[in-house]
Each structure stands twice: as structure tokens, then as C-alpha cells.
């Protein structure tokens, strides 16, 4: 299948998921006569959840665009992995709403909400990393440059968020607020470019591969 169909479908999913996030903010202050400022300040968990999730989905979209630009075609397996990724993306508003409503609870609701959020992030990271690994292992079948081989360093940098999300999910059991802060920090980490530029041609792929080889040779 051509990549443009998979990209068009994915872009639609991203657009819906990122738009749905704002629905939790719309009821804030509705029907409030006086004391609107106090009401707005009290709802800070909803703002925090919205910002973290908006950044997460937006940055996943950016990296998804970069990954897809490395492809000349998508195989059936790659489509399946992309569907799993989209399933996770479109689910993000659900734990976002849980965080917004229960983060400050002291009865275990905040923990449950933060852990649920983390589990969705872990699943999304697994699906994304699987797509990147599939690209590297089946470059001759799907990659724009058939001899493209991502370096180990690039793969570790790109997939490092998976470990971080697991750690943040465990932290959520102790401190939901700290876990949400970590989720936001991971989103900022992925704001920086961790994948090679697909528009730079085979030279960039060669540099990426050689940098990985050089790194291996320099290690004791």
C-alpha cells in the first residue's frame, strides 16, 4: 500500500484525539455566577492533564510524520502496528479525563488515574518502537532507502521513552502528581529530534549507520 493512505488515516486519528482533549475544559465555569476566578484556579489538574496530553499527542504526530517519511510503502504488518499505535493515541483522552477528575483525591483515585495514564503511554511507546524496529529489520521491503540501517544509538534514544514511561507508571503508585510531571517531561524529551532526517538522502542514513558502528568500536 502507498504510504499516503496510511498517513491520511493516521492524521485523521491524531486530529480527532487531540481535539477531544478540550472537551474536559468546556464545562469549567459554566453557570457560575460569582467567584469564577476561584473556580478556574481550583481546576488546575484539568489544565495540567490537557497540556501534558496535548504535547504528547502532538509530538507523537511529529515523530510519526518523520517515521513515515522513511517509507516508500507500507506492508500489512506495518499497517497492523500502525493500527495499534492509533488505538493507543485515540485512547489518550480517557486517562486524561481520569487525571483531570481524580488527581488530587486522597482515596486512591489519583493513583488509579495516574497508573492508567501510564499504562496507555507504555502501550503507545511499545507500538511506536515496534514500528521503528520493523522499519530497520525490513528496510529492503518498506524503506525509501533499501539499505537503510538505523544505528543502535538512534534506536535507544528513540525508544528510551518506553523505559521512562514504565518508571513513571511505577512512581504513580507512590506519587500521582510526580508521575504526571514525569509524563510531561517525557513529552518534552521527544520534542527534540531523535530520528535521522529522511529528506537528507542515503548519505544521512550512511552517517547514522556509521555513527552507530563507530560508537560500538569506541566502547571498551
N, C-alpha and C. Protein backbone atom coordinates (compact mmCIF):
# COMPACT_ATOMS: atom_id res chain seq x y z
N UNK A 1 0.84 -1.19 0.00
CA UNK A 1 0.00 0.00 0.00
C UNK A 1 0.88 1.24 0.00
N UNK A 2 0.41 2.31 -0.65
CA UNK A 2 1.12 3.57 -0.63
C UNK A 2 1.08 4.20 0.76
N UNK A 3 2.13 4.89 1.09
CA UNK A 3 2.21 5.48 2.43
C UNK A 3 1.18 6.59 2.64
N UNK A 4 0.76 7.26 1.57
CA UNK A 4 -0.12 8.42 1.75
C UNK A 4 -1.47 8.02 2.33
N UNK A 5 -1.96 6.81 2.02
CA UNK A 5 -3.24 6.37 2.59
C UNK A 5 -3.10 6.13 4.09
N UNK A 6 -2.00 5.49 4.50
CA UNK A 6 -1.77 5.26 5.92
C UNK A 6 -1.57 6.58 6.66
N UNK A 7 -0.86 7.52 6.04
CA UNK A 7 -0.64 8.82 6.65
C UNK A 7 -1.95 9.60 6.79
N UNK A 8 -2.79 9.56 5.76
CA UNK A 8 -4.06 10.29 5.81
C UNK A 8 -4.96 9.75 6.92
N UNK A 9 -5.02 8.43 7.03
CA UNK A 9 -5.81 7.81 8.09
C UNK A 9 -5.27 8.20 9.46
N UNK A 10 -3.95 8.12 9.61
CA UNK A 10 -3.32 8.43 10.90
C UNK A 10 -3.53 9.90 11.27
N UNK A 11 -3.39 10.80 10.30
CA UNK A 11 -3.58 12.22 10.58
C UNK A 11 -5.00 12.49 11.07
N UNK A 12 -5.97 11.77 10.52
CA UNK A 12 -7.35 11.93 10.96
C UNK A 12 -7.52 11.50 12.41
N UNK A 13 -6.87 10.39 12.77
CA UNK A 13 -6.95 9.91 14.15
C UNK A 13 -6.30 10.91 15.10
N UNK A 14 -5.12 11.40 14.73
CA UNK A 14 -4.45 12.39 15.57
C UNK A 14 -5.33 13.63 15.76
N UNK A 15 -5.94 14.10 14.68
CA UNK A 15 -6.76 15.31 14.75
C UNK A 15 -7.95 15.12 15.68
N UNK A 16 -8.61 13.97 15.61
CA UNK A 16 -9.76 13.70 16.47
C UNK A 16 -9.32 13.61 17.92
N UNK A 17 -8.25 12.83 18.18
CA UNK A 17 -7.81 12.61 19.55
C UNK A 17 -7.39 13.91 20.23
N UNK A 18 -6.67 14.75 19.51
CA UNK A 18 -6.16 15.99 20.11
C UNK A 18 -7.28 17.02 20.31
N UNK A 19 -8.34 16.92 19.48
CA UNK A 19 -9.47 17.83 19.63
C UNK A 19 -10.35 17.44 20.81
N UNK A 20 -10.53 16.14 21.00
CA UNK A 20 -11.38 15.65 22.08
C UNK A 20 -10.85 16.09 23.45
N UNK A 21 -9.54 16.31 23.55
CA UNK A 21 -8.95 16.69 24.83
C UNK A 21 -9.59 17.93 25.44
N UNK A 22 -10.01 18.86 24.60
CA UNK A 22 -10.53 20.13 25.10
C UNK A 22 -11.93 19.99 25.70
N UNK A 23 -12.60 18.89 25.43
CA UNK A 23 -13.97 18.72 25.93
C UNK A 23 -14.03 18.78 27.45
N UNK A 24 -12.97 18.31 28.14
CA UNK A 24 -12.97 18.34 29.60
C UNK A 24 -12.87 19.76 30.14
N UNK A 25 -12.40 20.70 29.31
CA UNK A 25 -12.26 22.08 29.78
C UNK A 25 -13.52 22.90 29.58
N UNK A 26 -14.37 22.49 28.66
CA UNK A 26 -15.54 23.30 28.31
C UNK A 26 -16.50 23.54 29.47
N UNK A 27 -16.75 22.55 30.34
CA UNK A 27 -17.72 22.82 31.43
C UNK A 27 -17.19 23.71 32.53
N UNK A 28 -15.89 23.98 32.57
CA UNK A 28 -15.32 24.77 33.67
C UNK A 28 -15.91 26.18 33.67
N UNK A 29 -16.48 26.56 34.79
CA UNK A 29 -17.03 27.90 34.94
C UNK A 29 -18.42 28.09 34.37
N UNK A 30 -18.96 27.06 33.69
CA UNK A 30 -20.29 27.20 33.12
C UNK A 30 -21.34 27.33 34.22
N UNK A 31 -22.16 28.33 34.13
CA UNK A 31 -23.24 28.52 35.09
C UNK A 31 -22.79 29.11 36.43
N UNK A 32 -21.52 29.49 36.53
CA UNK A 32 -21.01 30.05 37.78
C UNK A 32 -21.31 31.55 37.81
N UNK A 33 -21.96 32.00 38.87
CA UNK A 33 -22.29 33.41 38.98
C UNK A 33 -21.11 34.23 39.49
N UNK A 34 -20.78 34.05 40.77
CA UNK A 34 -19.65 34.75 41.36
C UNK A 34 -18.52 33.78 41.68
N UNK A 35 -17.37 34.34 41.97
CA UNK A 35 -16.23 33.51 42.34
C UNK A 35 -15.66 32.70 41.19
N UNK A 36 -15.78 33.22 39.97
CA UNK A 36 -15.27 32.49 38.81
C UNK A 36 -13.76 32.27 38.90
N UNK A 37 -13.05 33.26 39.39
CA UNK A 37 -11.60 33.13 39.49
C UNK A 37 -11.20 31.95 40.36
N UNK A 38 -11.90 31.80 41.51
CA UNK A 38 -11.61 30.69 42.40
C UNK A 38 -11.91 29.35 41.72
N UNK A 39 -12.99 29.30 41.00
CA UNK A 39 -13.36 28.07 40.29
C UNK A 39 -12.30 27.71 39.25
N UNK A 40 -11.84 28.70 38.51
CA UNK A 40 -10.83 28.45 37.48
C UNK A 40 -9.53 27.95 38.08
N UNK A 41 -9.12 28.54 39.21
CA UNK A 41 -7.89 28.12 39.86
C UNK A 41 -7.99 26.70 40.42
N UNK A 42 -9.16 26.36 40.92
CA UNK A 42 -9.36 25.06 41.53
C UNK A 42 -9.27 23.91 40.52
N UNK A 43 -9.47 24.22 39.26
CA UNK A 43 -9.49 23.18 38.23
C UNK A 43 -8.11 22.98 37.59
N UNK A 44 -7.04 23.35 38.29
CA UNK A 44 -5.70 23.22 37.70
C UNK A 44 -5.35 21.81 37.25
N UNK A 45 -5.84 20.73 37.90
CA UNK A 45 -5.50 19.40 37.39
C UNK A 45 -5.99 19.17 35.95
N UNK A 46 -7.11 19.78 35.60
CA UNK A 46 -7.62 19.63 34.24
C UNK A 46 -6.70 20.33 33.24
N UNK A 47 -6.19 21.49 33.62
CA UNK A 47 -5.27 22.19 32.73
C UNK A 47 -3.97 21.40 32.56
N UNK A 48 -3.47 20.86 33.67
CA UNK A 48 -2.22 20.09 33.62
C UNK A 48 -2.39 18.86 32.74
N UNK A 49 -3.50 18.15 32.92
CA UNK A 49 -3.75 16.95 32.12
C UNK A 49 -3.88 17.29 30.64
N UNK A 50 -4.56 18.41 30.37
CA UNK A 50 -4.74 18.84 28.97
C UNK A 50 -3.39 19.16 28.32
N UNK A 51 -2.55 19.92 29.01
CA UNK A 51 -1.27 20.32 28.44
C UNK A 51 -0.38 19.11 28.18
N UNK A 52 -0.28 18.21 29.16
CA UNK A 52 0.57 17.03 29.01
C UNK A 52 0.08 16.16 27.85
N UNK A 53 -1.22 15.94 27.77
CA UNK A 53 -1.75 15.07 26.71
C UNK A 53 -1.67 15.73 25.34
N UNK A 54 -1.91 17.05 25.29
CA UNK A 54 -1.80 17.75 24.01
C UNK A 54 -0.37 17.67 23.49
N UNK A 55 0.60 17.93 24.36
CA UNK A 55 2.01 17.83 23.97
C UNK A 55 2.35 16.42 23.51
N UNK A 56 1.86 15.43 24.27
CA UNK A 56 2.17 14.04 23.94
C UNK A 56 1.64 13.66 22.57
N UNK A 57 0.36 13.93 22.32
CA UNK A 57 -0.22 13.56 21.03
C UNK A 57 0.43 14.35 19.91
N UNK A 58 0.65 15.65 20.13
CA UNK A 58 1.26 16.47 19.09
C UNK A 58 2.66 16.00 18.73
N UNK A 59 3.45 15.63 19.73
CA UNK A 59 4.81 15.20 19.47
C UNK A 59 4.84 13.80 18.86
N UNK A 60 3.91 12.95 19.26
CA UNK A 60 3.79 11.64 18.59
C UNK A 60 3.48 11.84 17.11
N UNK A 61 2.62 12.81 16.82
CA UNK A 61 2.31 13.11 15.41
C UNK A 61 3.57 13.56 14.65
N UNK A 62 4.36 14.42 15.28
CA UNK A 62 5.59 14.88 14.64
C UNK A 62 6.53 13.71 14.32
N UNK A 63 6.75 12.84 15.30
CA UNK A 63 7.65 11.71 15.09
C UNK A 63 7.06 10.67 14.14
N UNK A 64 5.75 10.53 14.16
CA UNK A 64 5.08 9.63 13.23
C UNK A 64 5.29 10.11 11.79
N UNK A 65 5.21 11.42 11.60
CA UNK A 65 5.45 12.00 10.28
C UNK A 65 6.88 11.70 9.82
N UNK A 66 7.84 11.85 10.72
CA UNK A 66 9.24 11.57 10.37
C UNK A 66 9.44 10.10 10.03
N UNK A 67 8.85 9.22 10.84
CA UNK A 67 8.99 7.79 10.57
C UNK A 67 8.38 7.42 9.23
N UNK A 68 7.18 7.92 8.95
CA UNK A 68 6.51 7.59 7.69
C UNK A 68 7.29 8.12 6.49
N UNK A 69 8.02 9.21 6.67
CA UNK A 69 8.79 9.78 5.57
C UNK A 69 9.96 8.88 5.18
N UNK A 70 10.33 7.94 6.05
CA UNK A 70 11.38 6.98 5.73
C UNK A 70 10.87 5.85 4.84
N UNK A 71 9.56 5.76 4.66
CA UNK A 71 8.96 4.62 3.96
C UNK A 71 8.64 4.94 2.50
N UNK A 72 8.77 3.95 1.66
CA UNK A 72 8.29 4.08 0.29
C UNK A 72 6.97 3.32 0.11
N UNK A 73 6.71 2.37 1.02
CA UNK A 73 5.45 1.63 1.02
C UNK A 73 5.22 1.08 2.42
N UNK A 74 4.00 0.67 2.70
CA UNK A 74 3.68 0.06 3.99
C UNK A 74 3.20 -1.36 3.77
N UNK A 75 3.80 -2.28 4.49
CA UNK A 75 3.39 -3.68 4.41
C UNK A 75 2.18 -3.91 5.31
N UNK A 76 1.60 -5.09 5.21
CA UNK A 76 0.42 -5.40 6.04
C UNK A 76 0.79 -5.39 7.53
N UNK A 77 1.96 -5.92 7.86
CA UNK A 77 2.39 -5.94 9.25
C UNK A 77 2.59 -4.53 9.78
N UNK A 78 3.16 -3.67 8.96
CA UNK A 78 3.37 -2.28 9.37
C UNK A 78 2.02 -1.58 9.58
N UNK A 79 1.04 -1.91 8.75
CA UNK A 79 -0.30 -1.35 8.93
C UNK A 79 -0.90 -1.80 10.25
N UNK A 80 -0.68 -3.07 10.61
CA UNK A 80 -1.20 -3.59 11.87
C UNK A 80 -0.57 -2.84 13.05
N UNK A 81 0.76 -2.67 12.99
CA UNK A 81 1.45 -1.94 14.05
C UNK A 81 0.96 -0.50 14.13
N UNK A 82 0.71 0.12 12.98
CA UNK A 82 0.20 1.48 12.96
C UNK A 82 -1.21 1.55 13.55
N UNK A 83 -2.02 0.54 13.29
CA UNK A 83 -3.37 0.50 13.87
C UNK A 83 -3.30 0.41 15.39
N UNK A 84 -2.37 -0.39 15.89
CA UNK A 84 -2.20 -0.50 17.35
C UNK A 84 -1.79 0.86 17.92
N UNK A 85 -0.87 1.53 17.23
CA UNK A 85 -0.46 2.86 17.68
C UNK A 85 -1.64 3.83 17.69
N UNK A 86 -2.45 3.81 16.63
CA UNK A 86 -3.60 4.70 16.56
C UNK A 86 -4.63 4.37 17.64
N UNK A 87 -4.77 3.08 17.97
CA UNK A 87 -5.68 2.69 19.05
C UNK A 87 -5.24 3.33 20.37
N UNK A 88 -3.93 3.37 20.60
CA UNK A 88 -3.41 3.99 21.82
C UNK A 88 -3.58 5.50 21.79
N UNK A 89 -3.33 6.11 20.64
CA UNK A 89 -3.45 7.56 20.52
C UNK A 89 -4.87 8.01 20.80
N UNK A 90 -5.84 7.34 20.19
CA UNK A 90 -7.23 7.77 20.35
C UNK A 90 -7.75 7.47 21.75
N UNK A 91 -7.03 6.63 22.50
CA UNK A 91 -7.44 6.33 23.88
C UNK A 91 -6.92 7.35 24.88
N UNK A 92 -5.98 8.20 24.48
CA UNK A 92 -5.36 9.15 25.41
C UNK A 92 -6.37 10.05 26.12
N UNK A 93 -7.44 10.54 25.47
CA UNK A 93 -8.40 11.38 26.20
C UNK A 93 -9.04 10.69 27.41
N UNK A 94 -9.13 9.37 27.39
CA UNK A 94 -9.75 8.66 28.52
C UNK A 94 -8.94 8.81 29.81
N UNK A 95 -7.66 8.40 29.84
CA UNK A 95 -6.90 8.62 31.08
C UNK A 95 -6.67 10.10 31.38
N UNK A 96 -6.70 10.93 30.34
CA UNK A 96 -6.58 12.38 30.58
C UNK A 96 -7.75 12.87 31.43
N UNK A 97 -8.96 12.40 31.10
CA UNK A 97 -10.15 12.77 31.88
C UNK A 97 -10.06 12.22 33.30
N UNK A 98 -9.50 11.02 33.45
CA UNK A 98 -9.34 10.46 34.80
C UNK A 98 -8.39 11.31 35.63
N UNK A 99 -7.27 11.71 35.02
CA UNK A 99 -6.32 12.57 35.72
C UNK A 99 -6.98 13.89 36.11
N UNK A 100 -7.73 14.46 35.18
CA UNK A 100 -8.37 15.75 35.42
C UNK A 100 -9.33 15.69 36.60
N UNK A 101 -10.01 14.57 36.77
CA UNK A 101 -11.04 14.47 37.80
C UNK A 101 -10.53 13.94 39.13
N UNK A 102 -9.48 13.13 39.11
CA UNK A 102 -9.12 12.40 40.34
C UNK A 102 -7.69 12.63 40.83
N UNK A 103 -6.91 13.49 40.16
CA UNK A 103 -5.51 13.64 40.53
C UNK A 103 -5.32 14.05 41.99
N UNK A 104 -6.17 14.92 42.50
CA UNK A 104 -5.99 15.45 43.86
C UNK A 104 -6.73 14.64 44.92
N UNK A 105 -7.34 13.54 44.55
CA UNK A 105 -8.05 12.71 45.53
C UNK A 105 -7.06 12.00 46.45
N UNK A 106 -7.46 11.75 47.67
CA UNK A 106 -6.62 11.06 48.64
C UNK A 106 -7.16 9.67 48.97
N UNK A 107 -8.07 9.17 48.17
CA UNK A 107 -8.68 7.86 48.43
C UNK A 107 -8.19 6.80 47.46
N UNK A 108 -7.16 7.06 46.72
CA UNK A 108 -6.64 6.10 45.76
C UNK A 108 -7.04 6.40 44.33
N UNK A 109 -7.98 7.34 44.16
CA UNK A 109 -8.41 7.67 42.81
C UNK A 109 -7.31 8.29 41.98
N UNK A 110 -6.49 9.14 42.62
CA UNK A 110 -5.38 9.77 41.91
C UNK A 110 -4.36 8.75 41.44
N UNK A 111 -4.09 7.75 42.28
CA UNK A 111 -3.14 6.70 41.91
C UNK A 111 -3.66 5.90 40.74
N UNK A 112 -4.93 5.50 40.82
CA UNK A 112 -5.53 4.71 39.75
C UNK A 112 -5.51 5.48 38.43
N UNK A 113 -5.81 6.77 38.50
CA UNK A 113 -5.83 7.59 37.29
C UNK A 113 -4.44 7.72 36.69
N UNK A 114 -3.44 8.01 37.53
CA UNK A 114 -2.07 8.19 37.03
C UNK A 114 -1.49 6.89 36.49
N UNK A 115 -1.81 5.78 37.13
CA UNK A 115 -1.33 4.47 36.64
C UNK A 115 -1.98 4.13 35.31
N UNK A 116 -3.28 4.38 35.19
CA UNK A 116 -3.98 4.13 33.93
C UNK A 116 -3.37 4.95 32.81
N UNK A 117 -3.08 6.21 33.09
CA UNK A 117 -2.44 7.08 32.10
C UNK A 117 -1.10 6.48 31.66
N UNK A 118 -0.32 6.06 32.65
CA UNK A 118 0.98 5.49 32.34
C UNK A 118 0.90 4.23 31.50
N UNK A 119 -0.07 3.39 31.78
CA UNK A 119 -0.22 2.15 31.02
C UNK A 119 -0.55 2.43 29.55
N UNK A 120 -1.37 3.45 29.31
CA UNK A 120 -1.67 3.83 27.93
C UNK A 120 -0.41 4.36 27.24
N UNK A 121 0.39 5.15 27.97
CA UNK A 121 1.63 5.67 27.40
C UNK A 121 2.62 4.55 27.11
N UNK A 122 2.70 3.56 27.99
CA UNK A 122 3.60 2.42 27.77
C UNK A 122 3.18 1.67 26.52
N UNK A 123 1.88 1.40 26.39
CA UNK A 123 1.39 0.68 25.21
C UNK A 123 1.68 1.46 23.93
N UNK A 124 1.48 2.77 23.97
CA UNK A 124 1.74 3.59 22.80
C UNK A 124 3.22 3.58 22.44
N UNK A 125 4.09 3.64 23.45
CA UNK A 125 5.52 3.62 23.21
C UNK A 125 5.97 2.28 22.65
N UNK A 126 5.39 1.20 23.13
CA UNK A 126 5.72 -0.13 22.59
C UNK A 126 5.35 -0.21 21.12
N UNK A 127 4.16 0.26 20.76
CA UNK A 127 3.72 0.21 19.36
C UNK A 127 4.61 1.06 18.47
N UNK A 128 4.97 2.25 18.95
CA UNK A 128 5.81 3.15 18.16
C UNK A 128 7.21 2.55 17.96
N UNK A 129 7.78 2.02 19.04
CA UNK A 129 9.10 1.40 18.95
C UNK A 129 9.08 0.19 18.03
N UNK A 130 7.98 -0.57 18.06
CA UNK A 130 7.87 -1.74 17.19
C UNK A 130 7.86 -1.32 15.72
N UNK A 131 7.21 -0.20 15.41
CA UNK A 131 7.21 0.30 14.03
C UNK A 131 8.62 0.67 13.59
N UNK A 132 9.37 1.33 14.47
CA UNK A 132 10.73 1.74 14.13
C UNK A 132 11.65 0.53 13.94
N UNK A 133 11.51 -0.46 14.83
CA UNK A 133 12.32 -1.67 14.71
C UNK A 133 11.95 -2.44 13.44
N UNK A 134 10.68 -2.47 13.10
CA UNK A 134 10.26 -3.16 11.88
C UNK A 134 10.87 -2.49 10.66
N UNK A 135 10.89 -1.16 10.67
CA UNK A 135 11.49 -0.43 9.56
C UNK A 135 12.96 -0.81 9.39
N UNK A 136 13.70 -0.89 10.51
CA UNK A 136 15.10 -1.24 10.43
C UNK A 136 15.34 -2.67 9.98
N UNK A 137 14.47 -3.59 10.41
CA UNK A 137 14.65 -5.00 10.08
C UNK A 137 14.16 -5.35 8.68
N UNK A 138 13.26 -4.55 8.12
CA UNK A 138 12.68 -4.84 6.81
C UNK A 138 12.86 -3.66 5.86
N UNK A 139 14.03 -3.01 5.96
CA UNK A 139 14.29 -1.84 5.14
C UNK A 139 14.20 -2.15 3.65
N UNK A 140 14.69 -3.31 3.26
CA UNK A 140 14.65 -3.67 1.84
C UNK A 140 13.25 -3.79 1.30
N UNK A 141 12.30 -4.05 2.17
CA UNK A 141 10.91 -4.23 1.76
C UNK A 141 10.11 -2.94 1.80
N UNK A 142 10.37 -2.09 2.80
CA UNK A 142 9.48 -0.94 3.01
C UNK A 142 10.19 0.42 3.00
N UNK A 143 11.49 0.47 3.22
CA UNK A 143 12.17 1.75 3.40
C UNK A 143 12.40 2.48 2.08
N UNK A 144 12.44 3.81 2.16
CA UNK A 144 12.76 4.62 0.99
C UNK A 144 14.16 4.27 0.48
N UNK A 145 15.09 4.08 1.41
CA UNK A 145 16.44 3.63 1.06
C UNK A 145 16.57 2.17 1.49
N UNK A 146 16.59 1.22 0.54
CA UNK A 146 16.57 -0.20 0.89
C UNK A 146 17.72 -0.64 1.79
N UNK A 147 18.84 0.09 1.78
CA UNK A 147 19.97 -0.29 2.62
C UNK A 147 20.01 0.51 3.92
N UNK A 148 18.92 1.19 4.23
CA UNK A 148 18.87 2.00 5.44
C UNK A 148 18.95 1.10 6.68
N UNK A 149 19.88 1.44 7.57
CA UNK A 149 20.03 0.71 8.83
C UNK A 149 20.23 1.72 9.96
N UNK A 150 19.21 1.94 10.79
CA UNK A 150 19.36 2.89 11.89
C UNK A 150 20.40 2.41 12.89
N UNK A 151 21.16 3.31 13.44
CA UNK A 151 22.18 2.94 14.41
C UNK A 151 21.54 2.53 15.73
N UNK A 152 22.30 1.78 16.50
CA UNK A 152 21.82 1.35 17.81
C UNK A 152 21.57 2.55 18.71
N UNK A 153 22.43 3.57 18.60
CA UNK A 153 22.27 4.77 19.42
C UNK A 153 20.96 5.47 19.11
N UNK A 154 20.62 5.58 17.81
CA UNK A 154 19.36 6.22 17.43
C UNK A 154 18.17 5.44 17.97
N UNK A 155 18.22 4.13 17.85
CA UNK A 155 17.12 3.29 18.31
C UNK A 155 16.94 3.42 19.82
N UNK A 156 18.05 3.43 20.56
CA UNK A 156 17.97 3.56 22.01
C UNK A 156 17.40 4.92 22.40
N UNK A 157 17.87 5.97 21.74
CA UNK A 157 17.36 7.32 22.03
C UNK A 157 15.87 7.42 21.74
N UNK A 158 15.44 6.82 20.62
CA UNK A 158 14.03 6.92 20.25
C UNK A 158 13.14 6.08 21.15
N UNK A 159 13.65 4.91 21.56
CA UNK A 159 12.84 4.00 22.38
C UNK A 159 13.03 4.21 23.87
N UNK A 160 13.90 5.18 24.24
CA UNK A 160 14.15 5.40 25.65
C UNK A 160 12.92 5.81 26.44
N UNK A 161 11.96 6.42 25.76
CA UNK A 161 10.74 6.83 26.44
C UNK A 161 9.96 5.66 27.02
N UNK A 162 10.11 4.49 26.40
CA UNK A 162 9.40 3.31 26.90
C UNK A 162 9.83 2.99 28.33
N UNK A 163 11.13 2.98 28.57
CA UNK A 163 11.64 2.73 29.92
C UNK A 163 11.19 3.84 30.86
N UNK A 164 11.25 5.08 30.38
CA UNK A 164 10.86 6.21 31.22
C UNK A 164 9.38 6.14 31.59
N UNK A 165 8.54 5.72 30.65
CA UNK A 165 7.11 5.60 30.95
C UNK A 165 6.85 4.49 31.98
N UNK A 166 7.59 3.40 31.88
CA UNK A 166 7.45 2.34 32.87
C UNK A 166 7.82 2.84 34.25
N UNK A 167 8.93 3.57 34.33
CA UNK A 167 9.37 4.13 35.61
C UNK A 167 8.32 5.11 36.15
N UNK A 168 7.81 5.98 35.29
CA UNK A 168 6.82 6.96 35.72
C UNK A 168 5.54 6.28 36.20
N UNK A 169 5.17 5.19 35.56
CA UNK A 169 3.97 4.47 35.98
C UNK A 169 4.15 3.87 37.37
N UNK A 170 5.35 3.38 37.64
CA UNK A 170 5.65 2.85 38.98
C UNK A 170 5.66 3.99 40.00
N UNK A 171 6.19 5.14 39.62
CA UNK A 171 6.20 6.30 40.51
C UNK A 171 4.77 6.72 40.85
N UNK A 172 3.84 6.54 39.90
CA UNK A 172 2.44 6.92 40.11
C UNK A 172 1.82 6.21 41.31
N UNK A 173 2.33 5.04 41.63
CA UNK A 173 1.79 4.28 42.77
C UNK A 173 2.09 5.00 44.08
N UNK A 174 3.18 5.75 44.09
CA UNK A 174 3.59 6.48 45.29
C UNK A 174 3.14 7.94 45.25
N UNK A 175 3.33 8.57 44.07
CA UNK A 175 3.01 10.00 43.93
C UNK A 175 2.42 10.28 42.56
N UNK A 176 1.10 10.35 42.45
CA UNK A 176 0.46 10.63 41.16
C UNK A 176 0.91 11.96 40.55
N UNK A 177 1.08 12.97 41.38
CA UNK A 177 1.49 14.28 40.87
C UNK A 177 2.87 14.22 40.25
N UNK A 178 3.81 13.54 40.91
CA UNK A 178 5.16 13.41 40.36
C UNK A 178 5.14 12.63 39.05
N UNK A 179 4.28 11.63 38.97
CA UNK A 179 4.18 10.83 37.75
C UNK A 179 3.69 11.68 36.58
N UNK A 180 2.68 12.52 36.83
CA UNK A 180 2.17 13.40 35.77
C UNK A 180 3.27 14.35 35.31
N UNK A 181 4.06 14.87 36.25
CA UNK A 181 5.18 15.73 35.89
C UNK A 181 6.18 14.97 35.02
N UNK A 182 6.42 13.71 35.32
CA UNK A 182 7.33 12.89 34.53
C UNK A 182 6.77 12.64 33.13
N UNK A 183 5.46 12.41 33.04
CA UNK A 183 4.85 12.22 31.72
C UNK A 183 5.07 13.47 30.86
N UNK A 184 4.93 14.63 31.49
CA UNK A 184 5.17 15.86 30.75
C UNK A 184 6.62 16.01 30.34
N UNK A 185 7.55 15.62 31.21
CA UNK A 185 8.98 15.72 30.90
C UNK A 185 9.35 14.79 29.75
N UNK A 186 8.73 13.61 29.70
CA UNK A 186 8.99 12.68 28.59
C UNK A 186 8.52 13.28 27.27
N UNK A 187 7.37 13.96 27.32
CA UNK A 187 6.88 14.62 26.10
C UNK A 187 7.86 15.67 25.62
N UNK A 188 8.42 16.43 26.55
CA UNK A 188 9.41 17.45 26.19
C UNK A 188 10.66 16.79 25.60
N UNK A 189 11.06 15.65 26.16
CA UNK A 189 12.22 14.91 25.64
C UNK A 189 12.02 14.57 24.16
N UNK A 190 10.83 14.12 23.82
CA UNK A 190 10.55 13.73 22.44
C UNK A 190 10.31 14.94 21.53
N UNK A 191 10.25 16.12 22.12
CA UNK A 191 10.13 17.32 21.31
C UNK A 191 11.40 17.53 20.48
N UNK A 192 12.52 17.04 20.98
CA UNK A 192 13.78 17.12 20.25
C UNK A 192 13.87 15.97 19.24
N UNK A 193 14.56 16.22 18.15
CA UNK A 193 14.65 15.24 17.06
C UNK A 193 15.55 14.09 17.45
N UNK A 194 15.01 12.87 17.45
CA UNK A 194 15.79 11.68 17.78
C UNK A 194 15.89 10.71 16.60
N UNK A 195 15.24 11.03 15.50
CA UNK A 195 15.30 10.19 14.31
C UNK A 195 16.09 10.89 13.21
N UNK A 196 16.78 10.13 12.36
CA UNK A 196 17.52 10.75 11.25
C UNK A 196 16.58 11.43 10.27
N UNK A 197 17.07 12.47 9.63
CA UNK A 197 16.28 13.23 8.68
C UNK A 197 16.06 12.41 7.41
N UNK A 198 14.82 12.05 7.08
CA UNK A 198 14.57 11.22 5.90
C UNK A 198 14.77 11.96 4.58
N UNK A 199 14.81 13.31 4.64
CA UNK A 199 14.96 14.08 3.40
C UNK A 199 16.41 14.31 3.03
N UNK A 200 17.34 13.84 3.87
CA UNK A 200 18.75 14.08 3.61
C UNK A 200 19.36 13.05 2.67
N UNK A 201 18.57 12.03 2.30
CA UNK A 201 19.04 11.05 1.33
C UNK A 201 19.87 9.96 1.96
N UNK A 202 20.43 9.08 1.14
CA UNK A 202 21.18 7.94 1.64
C UNK A 202 22.43 8.33 2.42
N UNK A 203 22.96 9.55 2.17
CA UNK A 203 24.14 9.96 2.90
C UNK A 203 23.85 10.03 4.40
N UNK A 204 22.65 10.56 4.74
CA UNK A 204 22.28 10.67 6.15
C UNK A 204 22.15 9.29 6.77
N UNK A 205 21.53 8.37 6.02
CA UNK A 205 21.39 7.01 6.53
C UNK A 205 22.75 6.38 6.75
N UNK A 206 23.68 6.66 5.81
CA UNK A 206 25.02 6.12 5.96
C UNK A 206 25.72 6.69 7.18
N UNK A 207 25.56 8.00 7.39
CA UNK A 207 26.17 8.61 8.57
C UNK A 207 25.59 8.04 9.83
N UNK A 208 24.27 7.80 9.83
CA UNK A 208 23.61 7.25 11.01
C UNK A 208 24.16 5.87 11.31
N UNK A 209 24.28 5.05 10.26
CA UNK A 209 24.79 3.69 10.45
C UNK A 209 26.24 3.72 10.90
N UNK A 210 27.06 4.59 10.27
CA UNK A 210 28.46 4.64 10.63
C UNK A 210 28.66 5.16 12.04
N UNK A 211 27.80 6.12 12.45
CA UNK A 211 27.94 6.64 13.81
C UNK A 211 27.67 5.55 14.83
N UNK A 212 26.71 4.66 14.49
CA UNK A 212 26.43 3.54 15.38
C UNK A 212 27.60 2.58 15.44
N UNK A 213 28.23 2.32 14.27
CA UNK A 213 29.37 1.42 14.22
C UNK A 213 30.56 2.00 14.96
N UNK A 214 30.79 3.32 14.72
CA UNK A 214 31.90 3.96 15.40
C UNK A 214 31.72 3.95 16.91
N UNK A 215 30.46 4.14 17.33
CA UNK A 215 30.17 4.13 18.76
C UNK A 215 30.50 2.77 19.36
N UNK A 216 30.11 1.70 18.62
CA UNK A 216 30.37 0.35 19.09
C UNK A 216 31.87 0.09 19.21
N UNK A 217 32.65 0.57 18.18
CA UNK A 217 34.08 0.32 18.19
C UNK A 217 34.78 1.12 19.29
N UNK A 218 34.20 2.28 19.64
CA UNK A 218 34.83 3.09 20.67
C UNK A 218 34.55 2.60 22.07
N UNK A 219 33.52 1.75 22.20
CA UNK A 219 33.18 1.24 23.52
C UNK A 219 34.21 0.20 23.92
N UNK A 220 34.62 0.15 25.19
CA UNK A 220 35.62 -0.85 25.62
C UNK A 220 34.98 -2.22 25.69
